[in-house]
Amino acid sequence: MNQAGLSELLTPSGFFQYLAQQTKLDPEAVKRIYLCGIPWNLWPRDLDITGEAAAAGVTLFTYLAAMQPLIDMDTREKEAELAAYEVTLTHCEAMAPAIRAQVEKVAAISGTDKETICRVLHALYTYRQRVGRLSIQKVGEESKHRMEQQAISNAEISRVMVAQETLVAKLEPGKPVP
């Protein structure tokens, strides 16, 4: 994984660039639409990711990695609701009232068509999953690095112990040298 990729995704410019790529819209258009739609309710209202990670004594990436199964489940639910709403755009059925209200509000405020707002919502859902997956990868790589460092440290300790035993054996006649 490109560490710069995850760090960049977590910046405002990286966030809007990602949404622009996913929606095939200009980054400024995506930013304008996004700002018109705040809050998008992507996360539960009582979830403070940074605060909860700090309270748990783990990094933000570790916390996001641990949350990824829940994020995936929530995303599948939200995507299903959004897909149900998108059907109503062509079939005039009354479904997914929360999604419909959000899409219609943002469309009215931003002057953008509802289909485009749906594309932005899909991009927001994929962004959430992408950051979570990259966090899992980062945590895995950090864990692997710590294990490699521990193995090097253990090998060094073993080498020193063998050297000490050899020295002691040389100083004590009659004791075999390892």
N, C-alpha and C. Protein backbone atom coordinates (compact mmCIF):
# COMPACT_ATOMS: atom_id res chain seq x y z
N MET A 1 0.84 -1.18 0.00
CA MET A 1 0.00 0.00 0.00
C MET A 1 0.88 1.24 0.00
N ASN A 2 0.45 2.23 -0.68
CA ASN A 2 1.13 3.51 -0.70
C ASN A 2 0.67 4.29 0.52
N GLN A 3 1.57 4.48 1.51
CA GLN A 3 1.21 5.20 2.74
C GLN A 3 0.74 6.61 2.42
N ALA A 4 1.34 7.21 1.39
CA ALA A 4 0.92 8.55 1.00
C ALA A 4 -0.53 8.52 0.52
N GLY A 5 -0.96 7.41 -0.06
CA GLY A 5 -2.33 7.29 -0.54
C GLY A 5 -3.35 7.43 0.57
N LEU A 6 -3.14 6.75 1.68
CA LEU A 6 -4.06 6.84 2.81
C LEU A 6 -4.00 8.22 3.43
N SER A 7 -2.81 8.73 3.63
CA SER A 7 -2.67 10.06 4.21
C SER A 7 -3.33 11.11 3.32
N GLU A 8 -3.16 10.97 2.02
CA GLU A 8 -3.76 11.92 1.08
C GLU A 8 -5.28 11.83 1.11
N LEU A 9 -5.82 10.62 1.20
CA LEU A 9 -7.28 10.47 1.27
C LEU A 9 -7.87 11.18 2.48
N LEU A 10 -7.09 11.31 3.53
CA LEU A 10 -7.58 11.92 4.75
C LEU A 10 -7.45 13.45 4.76
N THR A 11 -6.93 14.02 3.68
CA THR A 11 -6.87 15.48 3.57
C THR A 11 -8.10 15.97 2.81
N PRO A 12 -8.48 17.22 3.00
CA PRO A 12 -9.64 17.75 2.25
C PRO A 12 -9.45 17.63 0.73
N SER A 13 -8.27 17.96 0.23
CA SER A 13 -8.06 17.89 -1.22
C SER A 13 -8.12 16.44 -1.70
N GLY A 14 -7.55 15.52 -0.94
CA GLY A 14 -7.60 14.10 -1.31
C GLY A 14 -9.02 13.57 -1.26
N PHE A 15 -9.77 13.98 -0.28
CA PHE A 15 -11.16 13.58 -0.13
C PHE A 15 -11.97 14.02 -1.36
N PHE A 16 -11.87 15.31 -1.72
CA PHE A 16 -12.65 15.80 -2.85
C PHE A 16 -12.15 15.24 -4.19
N GLN A 17 -10.85 15.00 -4.29
CA GLN A 17 -10.31 14.39 -5.51
C GLN A 17 -10.85 12.97 -5.67
N TYR A 18 -10.90 12.23 -4.57
CA TYR A 18 -11.44 10.86 -4.61
C TYR A 18 -12.91 10.90 -5.06
N LEU A 19 -13.69 11.78 -4.45
CA LEU A 19 -15.11 11.88 -4.83
C LEU A 19 -15.25 12.27 -6.30
N ALA A 20 -14.41 13.19 -6.75
CA ALA A 20 -14.46 13.62 -8.15
C ALA A 20 -14.16 12.46 -9.10
N GLN A 21 -13.16 11.65 -8.76
CA GLN A 21 -12.83 10.50 -9.60
C GLN A 21 -13.97 9.49 -9.64
N GLN A 22 -14.59 9.26 -8.49
CA GLN A 22 -15.68 8.29 -8.41
C GLN A 22 -16.92 8.76 -9.15
N THR A 23 -17.20 10.05 -9.10
CA THR A 23 -18.42 10.58 -9.71
C THR A 23 -18.20 11.08 -11.13
N LYS A 24 -16.94 11.19 -11.52
CA LYS A 24 -16.57 11.74 -12.83
C LYS A 24 -17.07 13.18 -12.97
N LEU A 25 -16.96 13.92 -11.87
CA LEU A 25 -17.31 15.33 -11.82
C LEU A 25 -16.06 16.14 -11.52
N ASP A 26 -16.13 17.42 -11.77
CA ASP A 26 -15.06 18.34 -11.42
C ASP A 26 -14.93 18.41 -9.90
N PRO A 27 -13.70 18.43 -9.35
CA PRO A 27 -13.54 18.49 -7.89
C PRO A 27 -14.27 19.68 -7.24
N GLU A 28 -14.29 20.82 -7.89
CA GLU A 28 -15.00 21.97 -7.33
C GLU A 28 -16.51 21.74 -7.30
N ALA A 29 -17.04 21.07 -8.33
CA ALA A 29 -18.47 20.76 -8.34
C ALA A 29 -18.81 19.78 -7.21
N VAL A 30 -17.95 18.79 -7.03
CA VAL A 30 -18.16 17.82 -5.96
C VAL A 30 -18.10 18.52 -4.60
N LYS A 31 -17.14 19.40 -4.43
CA LYS A 31 -17.00 20.12 -3.17
C LYS A 31 -18.25 20.94 -2.89
N ARG A 32 -18.76 21.65 -3.90
CA ARG A 32 -19.96 22.47 -3.74
C ARG A 32 -21.15 21.60 -3.35
N ILE A 33 -21.33 20.48 -4.03
CA ILE A 33 -22.43 19.57 -3.72
C ILE A 33 -22.27 19.01 -2.30
N TYR A 34 -21.06 18.59 -1.98
CA TYR A 34 -20.81 18.01 -0.66
C TYR A 34 -21.15 19.02 0.43
N LEU A 35 -20.67 20.24 0.29
CA LEU A 35 -20.91 21.25 1.31
C LEU A 35 -22.40 21.58 1.43
N CYS A 36 -23.14 21.50 0.34
CA CYS A 36 -24.60 21.72 0.39
C CYS A 36 -25.30 20.60 1.15
N GLY A 37 -24.71 19.42 1.18
CA GLY A 37 -25.36 18.27 1.78
C GLY A 37 -25.00 17.97 3.22
N ILE A 38 -24.13 18.75 3.80
CA ILE A 38 -23.72 18.49 5.18
C ILE A 38 -24.90 18.67 6.11
N PRO A 39 -25.17 17.77 7.03
CA PRO A 39 -24.50 16.49 7.29
C PRO A 39 -25.04 15.39 6.36
N TRP A 40 -24.17 14.50 5.91
CA TRP A 40 -24.54 13.40 5.04
C TRP A 40 -24.94 12.16 5.84
N ASN A 41 -24.72 12.19 7.12
CA ASN A 41 -25.08 11.07 8.00
C ASN A 41 -24.41 9.76 7.59
N LEU A 42 -23.14 9.87 7.25
CA LEU A 42 -22.37 8.67 6.90
C LEU A 42 -22.00 7.87 8.13
N TRP A 43 -21.83 8.53 9.24
CA TRP A 43 -21.45 7.88 10.49
C TRP A 43 -22.59 8.07 11.47
N PRO A 44 -22.77 7.13 12.37
CA PRO A 44 -23.78 7.34 13.42
C PRO A 44 -23.48 8.63 14.18
N ARG A 45 -24.52 9.33 14.58
CA ARG A 45 -24.35 10.64 15.22
C ARG A 45 -23.50 10.58 16.49
N ASP A 46 -23.59 9.49 17.23
CA ASP A 46 -22.87 9.40 18.50
C ASP A 46 -21.46 8.81 18.36
N LEU A 47 -21.00 8.63 17.14
CA LEU A 47 -19.68 8.05 16.92
C LEU A 47 -18.64 9.15 16.74
N ASP A 48 -17.69 9.19 17.65
CA ASP A 48 -16.57 10.14 17.57
C ASP A 48 -15.32 9.29 17.35
N ILE A 49 -14.97 9.08 16.09
CA ILE A 49 -13.89 8.15 15.73
C ILE A 49 -12.58 8.53 16.41
N THR A 50 -12.20 9.78 16.31
CA THR A 50 -10.92 10.21 16.89
C THR A 50 -10.93 10.07 18.40
N GLY A 51 -12.01 10.52 19.03
CA GLY A 51 -12.11 10.43 20.49
C GLY A 51 -12.15 9.01 20.99
N GLU A 52 -12.90 8.15 20.30
CA GLU A 52 -12.98 6.76 20.72
C GLU A 52 -11.66 6.03 20.53
N ALA A 53 -10.94 6.35 19.46
CA ALA A 53 -9.62 5.74 19.26
C ALA A 53 -8.68 6.15 20.38
N ALA A 54 -8.69 7.43 20.73
CA ALA A 54 -7.83 7.92 21.82
C ALA A 54 -8.22 7.27 23.14
N ALA A 55 -9.52 7.17 23.41
CA ALA A 55 -9.98 6.56 24.67
C ALA A 55 -9.57 5.10 24.75
N ALA A 56 -9.54 4.43 23.61
CA ALA A 56 -9.15 3.02 23.57
C ALA A 56 -7.63 2.85 23.60
N GLY A 57 -6.92 3.95 23.44
CA GLY A 57 -5.46 3.89 23.46
C GLY A 57 -4.87 3.29 22.19
N VAL A 58 -5.56 3.46 21.06
CA VAL A 58 -5.07 2.93 19.78
C VAL A 58 -5.01 4.07 18.76
N THR A 59 -4.31 3.82 17.67
CA THR A 59 -4.25 4.82 16.61
C THR A 59 -5.58 4.88 15.88
N LEU A 60 -5.79 5.97 15.19
CA LEU A 60 -7.00 6.13 14.39
C LEU A 60 -7.11 5.00 13.37
N PHE A 61 -5.99 4.64 12.77
CA PHE A 61 -6.00 3.59 11.76
C PHE A 61 -6.37 2.23 12.36
N THR A 62 -5.86 1.95 13.55
CA THR A 62 -6.21 0.70 14.23
C THR A 62 -7.70 0.68 14.53
N TYR A 63 -8.23 1.80 14.99
CA TYR A 63 -9.66 1.89 15.30
C TYR A 63 -10.50 1.70 14.03
N LEU A 64 -10.11 2.38 12.95
CA LEU A 64 -10.85 2.22 11.69
C LEU A 64 -10.77 0.79 11.18
N ALA A 65 -9.61 0.17 11.32
CA ALA A 65 -9.46 -1.21 10.88
C ALA A 65 -10.38 -2.13 11.67
N ALA A 66 -10.47 -1.90 12.97
CA ALA A 66 -11.35 -2.72 13.81
C ALA A 66 -12.81 -2.48 13.48
N MET A 67 -13.15 -1.27 13.07
CA MET A 67 -14.54 -0.92 12.75
C MET A 67 -14.97 -1.37 11.35
N GLN A 68 -14.02 -1.79 10.52
CA GLN A 68 -14.33 -2.04 9.11
C GLN A 68 -15.46 -3.05 8.89
N PRO A 69 -15.54 -4.14 9.63
CA PRO A 69 -16.69 -5.04 9.40
C PRO A 69 -18.03 -4.34 9.63
N LEU A 70 -18.11 -3.48 10.63
CA LEU A 70 -19.35 -2.74 10.88
C LEU A 70 -19.59 -1.70 9.79
N ILE A 71 -18.52 -1.07 9.33
CA ILE A 71 -18.64 -0.09 8.26
C ILE A 71 -19.14 -0.77 6.99
N ASP A 72 -18.58 -1.95 6.68
CA ASP A 72 -19.03 -2.69 5.50
C ASP A 72 -20.51 -3.05 5.59
N MET A 73 -20.94 -3.52 6.75
CA MET A 73 -22.34 -3.89 6.94
C MET A 73 -23.24 -2.66 6.78
N ASP A 74 -22.86 -1.55 7.40
CA ASP A 74 -23.64 -0.32 7.30
C ASP A 74 -23.67 0.19 5.86
N THR A 75 -22.55 0.08 5.17
CA THR A 75 -22.49 0.55 3.78
C THR A 75 -23.41 -0.28 2.89
N ARG A 76 -23.43 -1.59 3.09
CA ARG A 76 -24.33 -2.43 2.29
C ARG A 76 -25.78 -2.00 2.50
N GLU A 77 -26.12 -1.70 3.75
CA GLU A 77 -27.49 -1.26 4.06
C GLU A 77 -27.79 0.09 3.39
N LYS A 78 -26.86 1.03 3.50
CA LYS A 78 -27.07 2.35 2.91
C LYS A 78 -27.11 2.27 1.38
N GLU A 79 -26.26 1.44 0.80
CA GLU A 79 -26.26 1.27 -0.66
C GLU A 79 -27.59 0.68 -1.13
N ALA A 80 -28.13 -0.27 -0.36
CA ALA A 80 -29.43 -0.87 -0.72
C ALA A 80 -30.53 0.19 -0.66
N GLU A 81 -30.50 1.05 0.37
CA GLU A 81 -31.49 2.12 0.48
C GLU A 81 -31.35 3.10 -0.69
N LEU A 82 -30.12 3.43 -1.03
CA LEU A 82 -29.89 4.36 -2.13
C LEU A 82 -30.34 3.75 -3.45
N ALA A 83 -30.05 2.47 -3.65
CA ALA A 83 -30.49 1.79 -4.88
C ALA A 83 -32.01 1.77 -4.96
N ALA A 84 -32.67 1.55 -3.83
CA ALA A 84 -34.14 1.56 -3.80
C ALA A 84 -34.65 2.95 -4.17
N TYR A 85 -34.00 3.98 -3.67
CA TYR A 85 -34.41 5.33 -4.01
C TYR A 85 -34.19 5.61 -5.50
N GLU A 86 -33.06 5.16 -6.04
CA GLU A 86 -32.77 5.41 -7.45
C GLU A 86 -33.84 4.80 -8.35
N VAL A 87 -34.41 3.68 -7.92
CA VAL A 87 -35.51 3.08 -8.67
C VAL A 87 -36.70 4.03 -8.70
N THR A 88 -36.92 4.75 -7.59
CA THR A 88 -38.06 5.67 -7.53
C THR A 88 -37.88 6.85 -8.48
N LEU A 89 -36.66 7.15 -8.87
CA LEU A 89 -36.44 8.26 -9.80
C LEU A 89 -37.07 7.98 -11.16
N THR A 90 -37.15 6.71 -11.52
CA THR A 90 -37.72 6.35 -12.81
C THR A 90 -39.10 5.71 -12.70
N HIS A 91 -39.45 5.20 -11.53
CA HIS A 91 -40.73 4.51 -11.37
C HIS A 91 -41.71 5.23 -10.42
N CYS A 92 -41.32 6.38 -9.90
CA CYS A 92 -42.18 7.20 -9.04
C CYS A 92 -42.77 6.43 -7.86
N GLU A 93 -42.01 5.57 -7.25
CA GLU A 93 -42.47 4.87 -6.06
C GLU A 93 -41.95 5.60 -4.83
N ALA A 94 -42.69 5.51 -3.74
CA ALA A 94 -42.26 6.18 -2.50
C ALA A 94 -41.50 5.18 -1.64
N MET A 95 -40.16 5.23 -1.71
CA MET A 95 -39.31 4.32 -0.93
C MET A 95 -38.17 5.12 -0.33
N ALA A 96 -37.50 4.53 0.63
CA ALA A 96 -36.28 5.09 1.25
C ALA A 96 -36.46 6.57 1.60
N PRO A 97 -37.37 6.90 2.52
CA PRO A 97 -37.66 8.31 2.81
C PRO A 97 -36.46 9.12 3.30
N ALA A 98 -35.57 8.54 4.11
CA ALA A 98 -34.42 9.30 4.60
C ALA A 98 -33.47 9.64 3.46
N ILE A 99 -33.22 8.67 2.60
CA ILE A 99 -32.34 8.91 1.45
C ILE A 99 -33.00 9.92 0.52
N ARG A 100 -34.29 9.72 0.25
CA ARG A 100 -35.00 10.63 -0.65
C ARG A 100 -34.92 12.07 -0.13
N ALA A 101 -35.16 12.25 1.17
CA ALA A 101 -35.11 13.59 1.75
C ALA A 101 -33.72 14.21 1.59
N GLN A 102 -32.68 13.42 1.83
CA GLN A 102 -31.32 13.93 1.71
C GLN A 102 -31.02 14.31 0.26
N VAL A 103 -31.31 13.41 -0.67
CA VAL A 103 -31.02 13.66 -2.08
C VAL A 103 -31.78 14.89 -2.57
N GLU A 104 -33.05 14.95 -2.26
CA GLU A 104 -33.87 16.06 -2.74
C GLU A 104 -33.44 17.39 -2.12
N LYS A 105 -33.06 17.37 -0.85
CA LYS A 105 -32.58 18.59 -0.18
C LYS A 105 -31.31 19.09 -0.86
N VAL A 106 -30.34 18.18 -1.06
CA VAL A 106 -29.07 18.59 -1.66
C VAL A 106 -29.27 19.03 -3.11
N ALA A 107 -30.14 18.34 -3.83
CA ALA A 107 -30.41 18.72 -5.22
C ALA A 107 -31.01 20.12 -5.28
N ALA A 108 -31.94 20.41 -4.39
CA ALA A 108 -32.58 21.73 -4.38
C ALA A 108 -31.59 22.83 -4.00
N ILE A 109 -30.78 22.57 -2.97
CA ILE A 109 -29.83 23.59 -2.51
C ILE A 109 -28.72 23.82 -3.53
N SER A 110 -28.22 22.73 -4.12
CA SER A 110 -27.06 22.85 -5.02
C SER A 110 -27.45 23.13 -6.46
N GLY A 111 -28.74 22.94 -6.79
CA GLY A 111 -29.16 23.12 -8.18
C GLY A 111 -28.66 22.01 -9.09
N THR A 112 -28.43 20.86 -8.50
CA THR A 112 -27.89 19.70 -9.23
C THR A 112 -28.97 18.64 -9.33
N ASP A 113 -28.94 17.86 -10.41
CA ASP A 113 -29.96 16.82 -10.58
C ASP A 113 -29.79 15.70 -9.56
N LYS A 114 -30.86 14.99 -9.28
CA LYS A 114 -30.88 13.95 -8.25
C LYS A 114 -29.95 12.79 -8.58
N GLU A 115 -29.83 12.46 -9.84
CA GLU A 115 -28.94 11.36 -10.23
C GLU A 115 -27.49 11.69 -9.85
N THR A 116 -27.09 12.93 -10.03
CA THR A 116 -25.73 13.34 -9.66
C THR A 116 -25.54 13.26 -8.15
N ILE A 117 -26.55 13.68 -7.40
CA ILE A 117 -26.46 13.60 -5.94
C ILE A 117 -26.33 12.13 -5.53
N CYS A 118 -27.04 11.24 -6.18
CA CYS A 118 -26.91 9.80 -5.89
C CYS A 118 -25.49 9.33 -6.17
N ARG A 119 -24.89 9.81 -7.26
CA ARG A 119 -23.50 9.43 -7.57
C ARG A 119 -22.56 9.90 -6.46
N VAL A 120 -22.80 11.09 -5.93
CA VAL A 120 -21.97 11.60 -4.83
C VAL A 120 -22.15 10.73 -3.59
N LEU A 121 -23.37 10.34 -3.30
CA LEU A 121 -23.60 9.45 -2.15
C LEU A 121 -22.88 8.12 -2.33
N HIS A 122 -22.97 7.53 -3.52
CA HIS A 122 -22.24 6.28 -3.77
C HIS A 122 -20.75 6.49 -3.54
N ALA A 123 -20.23 7.61 -4.01
CA ALA A 123 -18.80 7.90 -3.85
C ALA A 123 -18.45 8.06 -2.37
N LEU A 124 -19.32 8.68 -1.61
CA LEU A 124 -19.07 8.82 -0.17
C LEU A 124 -19.02 7.46 0.51
N TYR A 125 -19.90 6.57 0.11
CA TYR A 125 -19.91 5.22 0.69
C TYR A 125 -18.63 4.47 0.33
N THR A 126 -18.20 4.58 -0.93
CA THR A 126 -16.96 3.88 -1.31
C THR A 126 -15.74 4.51 -0.64
N TYR A 127 -15.79 5.83 -0.43
CA TYR A 127 -14.68 6.50 0.28
C TYR A 127 -14.53 5.91 1.68
N ARG A 128 -15.64 5.79 2.36
CA ARG A 128 -15.64 5.27 3.72
C ARG A 128 -15.03 3.87 3.75
N GLN A 129 -15.39 3.04 2.79
CA GLN A 129 -14.84 1.69 2.74
C GLN A 129 -13.37 1.69 2.35
N ARG A 130 -13.00 2.55 1.43
CA ARG A 130 -11.61 2.62 0.97
C ARG A 130 -10.68 3.00 2.13
N VAL A 131 -11.06 4.03 2.88
CA VAL A 131 -10.23 4.46 4.02
C VAL A 131 -10.13 3.33 5.04
N GLY A 132 -11.23 2.64 5.29
CA GLY A 132 -11.20 1.52 6.24
C GLY A 132 -10.28 0.40 5.79
N ARG A 133 -10.37 0.05 4.51
CA ARG A 133 -9.52 -1.03 4.00
C ARG A 133 -8.04 -0.64 4.01
N LEU A 134 -7.75 0.60 3.64
CA LEU A 134 -6.36 1.05 3.70
C LEU A 134 -5.86 1.09 5.14
N SER A 135 -6.75 1.40 6.08
CA SER A 135 -6.36 1.39 7.50
C SER A 135 -6.02 -0.03 7.94
N ILE A 136 -6.81 -1.00 7.51
CA ILE A 136 -6.52 -2.41 7.82
C ILE A 136 -5.15 -2.79 7.27
N GLN A 137 -4.90 -2.40 6.04
CA GLN A 137 -3.62 -2.71 5.41
C GLN A 137 -2.47 -2.04 6.17
N LYS A 138 -2.65 -0.79 6.55
CA LYS A 138 -1.60 -0.05 7.28
C LYS A 138 -1.32 -0.72 8.63
N VAL A 139 -2.37 -1.08 9.35
CA VAL A 139 -2.19 -1.73 10.64
C VAL A 139 -1.47 -3.07 10.46
N GLY A 140 -1.83 -3.81 9.43
CA GLY A 140 -1.16 -5.08 9.15
C GLY A 140 0.31 -4.90 8.85
N GLU A 141 0.63 -3.88 8.05
CA GLU A 141 2.02 -3.62 7.72
C GLU A 141 2.82 -3.18 8.96
N GLU A 142 2.19 -2.35 9.79
CA GLU A 142 2.86 -1.92 11.02
C GLU A 142 3.11 -3.10 11.94
N SER A 143 2.15 -3.99 12.03
CA SER A 143 2.28 -5.18 12.87
C SER A 143 3.40 -6.08 12.34
N LYS A 144 3.44 -6.25 11.03
CA LYS A 144 4.49 -7.07 10.42
C LYS A 144 5.87 -6.46 10.70
N HIS A 145 5.95 -5.13 10.59
CA HIS A 145 7.23 -4.45 10.84
C HIS A 145 7.66 -4.65 12.30
N ARG A 146 6.71 -4.51 13.24
CA ARG A 146 7.04 -4.72 14.66
C ARG A 146 7.52 -6.15 14.90
N MET A 147 6.88 -7.12 14.25
CA MET A 147 7.29 -8.52 14.42
C MET A 147 8.69 -8.73 13.86
N GLU A 148 8.99 -8.12 12.71
CA GLU A 148 10.32 -8.25 12.12
C GLU A 148 11.37 -7.62 13.03
N GLN A 149 11.04 -6.47 13.60
CA GLN A 149 11.97 -5.81 14.52
C GLN A 149 12.19 -6.67 15.77
N GLN A 150 11.14 -7.29 16.26
CA GLN A 150 11.25 -8.16 17.44
C GLN A 150 12.12 -9.37 17.11
N ALA A 151 11.96 -9.92 15.90
CA ALA A 151 12.78 -11.07 15.50
C ALA A 151 14.25 -10.68 15.43
N ILE A 152 14.54 -9.50 14.90
CA ILE A 152 15.93 -9.02 14.84
C ILE A 152 16.48 -8.84 16.24
N SER A 153 15.68 -8.27 17.12
CA SER A 153 16.09 -8.06 18.51
C SER A 153 16.35 -9.40 19.20
N ASN A 154 15.47 -10.36 19.00
CA ASN A 154 15.64 -11.69 19.59
C ASN A 154 16.91 -12.36 19.08
N ALA A 155 17.19 -12.23 17.79
CA ALA A 155 18.40 -12.82 17.22
C ALA A 155 19.65 -12.17 17.83
N GLU A 156 19.60 -10.86 18.03
CA GLU A 156 20.73 -10.15 18.63
C GLU A 156 20.94 -10.61 20.07
N ILE A 157 19.88 -10.76 20.81
CA ILE A 157 19.97 -11.23 22.20
C ILE A 157 20.56 -12.65 22.23
N SER A 158 20.11 -13.51 21.34
CA SER A 158 20.63 -14.88 21.28
C SER A 158 22.12 -14.89 20.96
N ARG A 159 22.52 -14.03 20.02
CA ARG A 159 23.94 -13.96 19.64
C ARG A 159 24.78 -13.52 20.84
N VAL A 160 24.30 -12.53 21.58
CA VAL A 160 25.03 -12.04 22.75
C VAL A 160 25.11 -13.14 23.81
N MET A 161 24.03 -13.86 24.02
CA MET A 161 24.02 -14.93 25.03
C MET A 161 25.00 -16.04 24.66
N VAL A 162 25.03 -16.40 23.38
CA VAL A 162 25.98 -17.44 22.94
C VAL A 162 27.41 -16.95 23.14
N ALA A 163 27.65 -15.69 22.81
CA ALA A 163 29.00 -15.12 22.98
C ALA A 163 29.40 -15.13 24.46
N GLN A 164 28.45 -14.80 25.34
CA GLN A 164 28.74 -14.80 26.78
C GLN A 164 29.02 -16.22 27.26
N GLU A 165 28.22 -17.18 26.81
CA GLU A 165 28.44 -18.58 27.21
C GLU A 165 29.79 -19.08 26.73
N THR A 166 30.17 -18.68 25.53
CA THR A 166 31.46 -19.08 24.98
C THR A 166 32.60 -18.50 25.80
N LEU A 167 32.45 -17.24 26.16
CA LEU A 167 33.48 -16.57 26.96
C LEU A 167 33.60 -17.22 28.34
N VAL A 168 32.47 -17.51 28.97
CA VAL A 168 32.48 -18.15 30.29
C VAL A 168 33.12 -19.53 30.18
N ALA A 169 32.80 -20.27 29.14
CA ALA A 169 33.35 -21.62 28.97
C ALA A 169 34.86 -21.57 28.78
N LYS A 170 35.34 -20.54 28.10
CA LYS A 170 36.78 -20.43 27.89
C LYS A 170 37.48 -20.10 29.21
N LEU A 171 36.79 -19.35 30.05
CA LEU A 171 37.36 -18.97 31.33
C LEU A 171 37.29 -20.11 32.35
N GLU A 172 36.37 -21.05 32.16
CA GLU A 172 36.22 -22.18 33.07
C GLU A 172 36.71 -23.45 32.39
N PRO A 173 37.92 -23.88 32.66
CA PRO A 173 38.46 -25.09 32.01
C PRO A 173 37.60 -26.31 32.35
N GLY A 174 37.52 -27.20 31.40
CA GLY A 174 36.79 -28.46 31.60
C GLY A 174 35.33 -28.37 31.20
N LYS A 175 34.82 -27.16 31.00
CA LYS A 175 33.44 -27.01 30.56
C LYS A 175 33.43 -26.92 29.05
N PRO A 176 32.56 -27.70 28.37
CA PRO A 176 32.57 -27.69 26.91
C PRO A 176 32.13 -26.33 26.36
N VAL A 177 32.76 -25.92 25.26
CA VAL A 177 32.43 -24.65 24.59
C VAL A 177 31.31 -24.93 23.59
N PRO A 178 30.22 -24.14 23.65
CA PRO A 178 29.12 -24.38 22.69
C PRO A 178 29.52 -24.07 21.28
